[in-house]
Protein backbone atom coordinates (compact mmCIF):
# COMPACT_ATOMS: atom_id res chain seq x y z
CA MET A 1 -30.61 -12.62 6.63
CA THR A 2 -30.07 -10.18 8.95
CA ASP A 3 -27.56 -7.54 8.70
CA HIS A 4 -25.60 -9.26 11.63
CA MET A 5 -25.87 -12.73 9.71
CA THR A 6 -24.49 -10.94 6.35
CA ARG A 7 -21.14 -9.16 7.90
CA THR A 8 -20.33 -12.55 9.45
CA PHE A 9 -21.24 -14.33 6.33
CA ILE A 10 -18.70 -11.66 4.26
CA ILE A 11 -15.75 -11.67 7.10
CA MET A 12 -15.96 -15.46 6.69
CA LEU A 13 -15.44 -15.40 2.69
CA LEU A 14 -12.55 -12.83 2.96
CA LEU A 15 -11.18 -15.31 6.07
CA LEU A 16 -11.13 -18.36 3.12
CA ALA A 17 -10.05 -16.31 0.37
CA LEU A 18 -6.88 -15.11 2.33
CA ALA A 19 -5.99 -18.79 3.66
CA GLY A 20 -6.44 -20.03 -0.22
CA CYS A 21 -3.75 -16.92 -1.13
CA GLY A 22 -1.34 -18.65 1.55
CA GLU A 23 -1.57 -22.13 0.50
CA SER A 24 -0.77 -20.96 -3.29
CA ASP A 25 2.26 -19.40 -1.98
CA LYS A 26 3.48 -22.48 -0.12
CA ILE A 27 2.99 -24.64 -3.25
CA ASP A 28 5.17 -22.05 -5.16
CA ARG A 29 7.68 -21.93 -2.67
CA TYR A 30 7.87 -25.75 -2.61
CA GLN A 31 7.85 -26.29 -6.35
CA GLN A 32 11.05 -24.19 -6.60
CA GLU A 33 13.21 -25.46 -3.77
CA THR A 34 13.07 -28.63 -4.76
CA ALA A 35 13.48 -28.05 -8.91
CA PRO A 36 16.19 -30.58 -9.82
CA PRO A 37 19.64 -29.47 -10.09
CA ALA A 38 20.88 -27.82 -13.10
CA ALA A 39 22.80 -30.96 -15.69
CA PRO A 40 26.42 -30.80 -15.59
CA SER A 41 28.28 -29.12 -18.09
CA ALA A 42 29.01 -31.08 -21.38
CA GLY A 43 32.06 -32.54 -20.99
CA ALA A 44 32.39 -32.77 -17.38
CA GLY A 45 34.40 -36.35 -15.94
CA MET A 46 34.20 -37.38 -19.77
CA GLN A 47 37.88 -39.54 -21.36
CA MET A 48 39.91 -37.71 -23.86
CA PRO A 49 38.97 -38.43 -27.28
CA ALA A 50 40.76 -41.92 -28.28
CA GLY A 51 42.24 -42.41 -32.01
CA HIS A 52 44.20 -39.17 -32.47
CA PRO A 53 47.57 -38.04 -30.71
CA PRO A 54 47.18 -35.78 -28.16
CA LEU A 55 49.36 -32.55 -27.87
CA SER A 56 50.69 -30.86 -24.91
CA GLY A 57 52.88 -27.93 -24.89
CA ASP A 58 55.81 -28.23 -27.69
CA TYR A 59 55.15 -32.04 -27.94
CA ALA A 60 52.50 -34.53 -30.03
CA TRP A 61 52.90 -38.38 -29.85
CA GLN A 62 50.88 -41.60 -31.10
CA ALA A 63 49.86 -44.23 -28.75
CA PRO A 64 49.66 -47.82 -29.49
CA GLU A 65 45.77 -49.17 -30.77
CA GLY A 66 44.27 -50.11 -27.79
CA TRP A 67 46.04 -47.89 -25.66
CA GLU A 68 42.80 -45.85 -23.47
CA ALA A 69 43.58 -42.01 -23.21
CA GLN A 70 42.62 -40.80 -19.67
CA ALA A 71 42.14 -36.66 -19.26
CA PRO A 72 45.47 -35.31 -18.01
CA SER A 73 45.98 -33.83 -14.66
CA SER A 74 47.69 -31.24 -12.93
CA MET A 75 50.19 -33.65 -12.94
CA ARG A 76 50.40 -35.79 -16.03
CA MET A 77 50.57 -33.91 -19.39
CA GLY A 78 49.65 -37.52 -20.72
CA SER A 79 48.08 -40.46 -19.10
CA TYR A 80 46.56 -43.94 -20.19
CA LEU A 81 45.29 -47.20 -19.40
CA VAL A 82 47.41 -50.11 -20.78
CA PRO A 83 45.65 -53.21 -21.86
CA HIS A 84 47.09 -56.88 -21.20
CA GLY A 85 44.46 -59.31 -20.68
CA GLU A 86 42.74 -58.81 -17.35
CA GLU A 87 45.06 -56.53 -16.16
CA GLN A 88 45.53 -52.75 -17.42
CA GLY A 89 48.75 -50.73 -16.51
CA ASP A 90 48.93 -47.02 -15.83
CA LEU A 91 51.03 -44.64 -18.26
CA SER A 92 51.85 -41.52 -17.19
CA VAL A 93 53.96 -38.26 -18.96
CA ILE A 94 55.18 -35.70 -17.13
CA ARG A 95 56.81 -32.88 -17.54
CA LEU A 96 59.54 -31.23 -14.85
CA ALA A 97 61.70 -27.89 -14.83
CA GLY A 98 65.39 -28.90 -15.10
CA SER A 99 66.98 -32.04 -14.48
CA ALA A 100 64.58 -33.00 -11.90
CA GLY A 101 67.73 -34.18 -9.98
CA GLY A 102 69.37 -36.33 -12.88
CA PRO A 103 68.91 -40.17 -13.85
CA LEU A 104 70.21 -41.97 -11.10
CA ALA A 105 67.97 -39.96 -8.38
CA ASN A 106 65.16 -40.38 -10.48
CA LEU A 107 66.33 -44.50 -11.40
CA ASN A 108 66.76 -44.69 -7.58
CA ARG A 109 63.27 -43.23 -6.79
CA TRP A 110 61.47 -45.09 -9.08
CA ARG A 111 63.76 -48.65 -7.82
CA GLY A 112 61.98 -47.35 -3.98
CA GLN A 113 58.48 -47.75 -5.32
CA LEU A 114 59.22 -51.02 -6.57
CA GLY A 115 60.75 -52.00 -3.06
CA LEU A 116 64.65 -52.23 -4.87
CA GLU A 117 68.25 -50.84 -3.40
CA PRO A 118 69.27 -47.81 -4.99
CA LEU A 119 71.83 -48.53 -7.96
CA ALA A 120 75.31 -46.64 -7.09
CA GLU A 121 76.88 -44.62 -10.26
CA GLY A 122 78.59 -46.90 -12.45
CA SER A 123 77.11 -50.22 -11.06
CA PRO A 124 75.35 -52.14 -13.73
CA GLY A 125 72.12 -51.88 -14.59
CA ALA A 126 72.30 -48.17 -13.94
CA GLU A 127 73.41 -46.69 -17.50
CA GLY A 128 69.56 -47.72 -19.26
CA LYS A 129 68.90 -48.25 -22.73
CA THR A 130 68.99 -45.33 -25.32
CA VAL A 131 65.91 -44.89 -27.82
CA GLU A 132 66.00 -42.04 -29.94
CA THR A 133 63.66 -39.89 -31.11
CA PRO A 134 62.93 -36.35 -32.86
CA VAL A 135 63.06 -34.76 -29.93
CA GLY A 136 65.63 -36.31 -28.24
CA ASP A 137 66.96 -39.64 -26.72
CA PHE A 138 65.23 -41.03 -23.72
CA THR A 139 67.19 -43.52 -21.29
CA CYS A 140 65.19 -46.24 -20.22
CA TRP A 141 65.43 -49.30 -17.89
CA THR A 142 63.48 -52.29 -16.85
CA LEU A 143 62.45 -52.43 -13.48
CA VAL A 144 61.24 -55.72 -11.71
CA ASN A 145 60.35 -57.08 -8.23
CA GLY A 146 58.74 -60.21 -8.40
CA ASP A 147 57.17 -62.49 -5.67
CA PRO A 148 55.82 -61.17 -3.19
CA VAL A 149 55.76 -58.06 -4.48
CA ASN A 150 54.66 -58.71 -8.39
CA LYS A 151 55.47 -54.97 -9.73
CA ALA A 152 57.17 -53.32 -12.52
CA MET A 153 58.23 -50.52 -14.63
CA GLN A 154 58.95 -49.49 -18.10
CA VAL A 155 60.56 -45.79 -17.39
CA GLY A 156 61.78 -43.39 -19.95
CA MET A 157 63.39 -40.00 -19.38
CA LEU A 158 64.78 -37.13 -21.80
CA PHE A 159 66.58 -34.10 -20.87
CA SER A 160 65.87 -31.49 -22.97
CA GLY A 161 67.24 -27.86 -22.31
CA ASP A 162 65.23 -26.17 -19.67
CA HIS A 163 62.90 -29.22 -18.78
CA SER A 164 62.35 -33.15 -18.63
CA LEU A 165 60.42 -35.61 -19.92
CA PHE A 166 59.31 -38.62 -17.49
CA VAL A 167 57.49 -41.53 -19.37
CA LYS A 168 56.08 -44.48 -16.99
CA LEU A 169 54.29 -47.84 -17.48
CA THR A 170 53.27 -49.43 -14.30
CA GLY A 171 51.98 -53.07 -13.95
CA SER A 172 52.76 -56.60 -13.34
CA PRO A 173 56.07 -58.07 -14.75
CA GLU A 174 53.59 -60.12 -17.51
CA LEU A 175 52.23 -57.02 -18.28
CA VAL A 176 55.19 -54.61 -18.57
CA SER A 177 57.28 -57.44 -20.77
CA ALA A 178 54.65 -58.22 -22.62
CA THR A 179 54.20 -54.40 -23.60
CA GLY A 180 57.77 -53.42 -23.96
CA GLU A 181 57.55 -52.69 -27.35
CA GLN A 182 54.53 -50.85 -27.90
CA PHE A 183 56.41 -48.78 -24.73
CA GLU A 184 59.68 -48.16 -26.79
CA ARG A 185 57.28 -47.67 -30.25
CA TYR A 186 55.57 -44.92 -28.15
CA LEU A 187 58.42 -43.19 -26.92
CA ARG A 188 59.85 -43.29 -30.83
CA SER A 189 56.42 -41.60 -31.86
CA PHE A 190 57.29 -38.24 -29.31
CA ASN A 191 57.71 -35.52 -32.08
CA ARG A 192 57.32 -31.74 -32.01
CA ALA A 193 53.63 -30.15 -32.16
CA GLU A 194 52.91 -28.49 -35.13
CA GLY A 195 53.22 -24.77 -34.49
CA SER A 196 55.68 -24.95 -31.90
CA ALA A 197 59.02 -22.81 -31.84
CA ASP A 198 60.94 -25.94 -33.19
CA GLY A 199 57.93 -27.45 -35.12
CA ALA A 200 56.75 -24.81 -37.33
């Protein structure tokens, strides 16, 4: 083999080696870019554990058997799905500062959500029912708008010093009627959380 052929052969070998290195780099980058995303953190999107009374601030409660606890939100300190046959009602527990407008204003706001006319002070149905609990008295109403709306609510309001509690169950008139006793039992279960200022 002549010197010229030898030099040409060596140059070709060097070019092939360099080309091989480039291919290796491309494969490494592709594998890195297509790696699967990290698994979500434990508990992401999970519901609250069932069977335990949730705690929120100064309050604790016990939900009736069969109610399905949902994760609280920025507005709700408690949330449940309430089953009745094929239907599931929606129950929320909300805490607001002060009296939040008072009983009549909130009652008429809820009536408006069902398409019902507002009530005047002192009119029949405006007073509500009292449910006594260890943390104070809830004032409760059952609101129904049948055909064609077919919606109803059980609502309870409790005013306690610098804040108010609002408990609302929404569903069909049949669901609200069938779960009325459960709703009242749930309200009666409200108590001070162990270790709170009033429950220590």
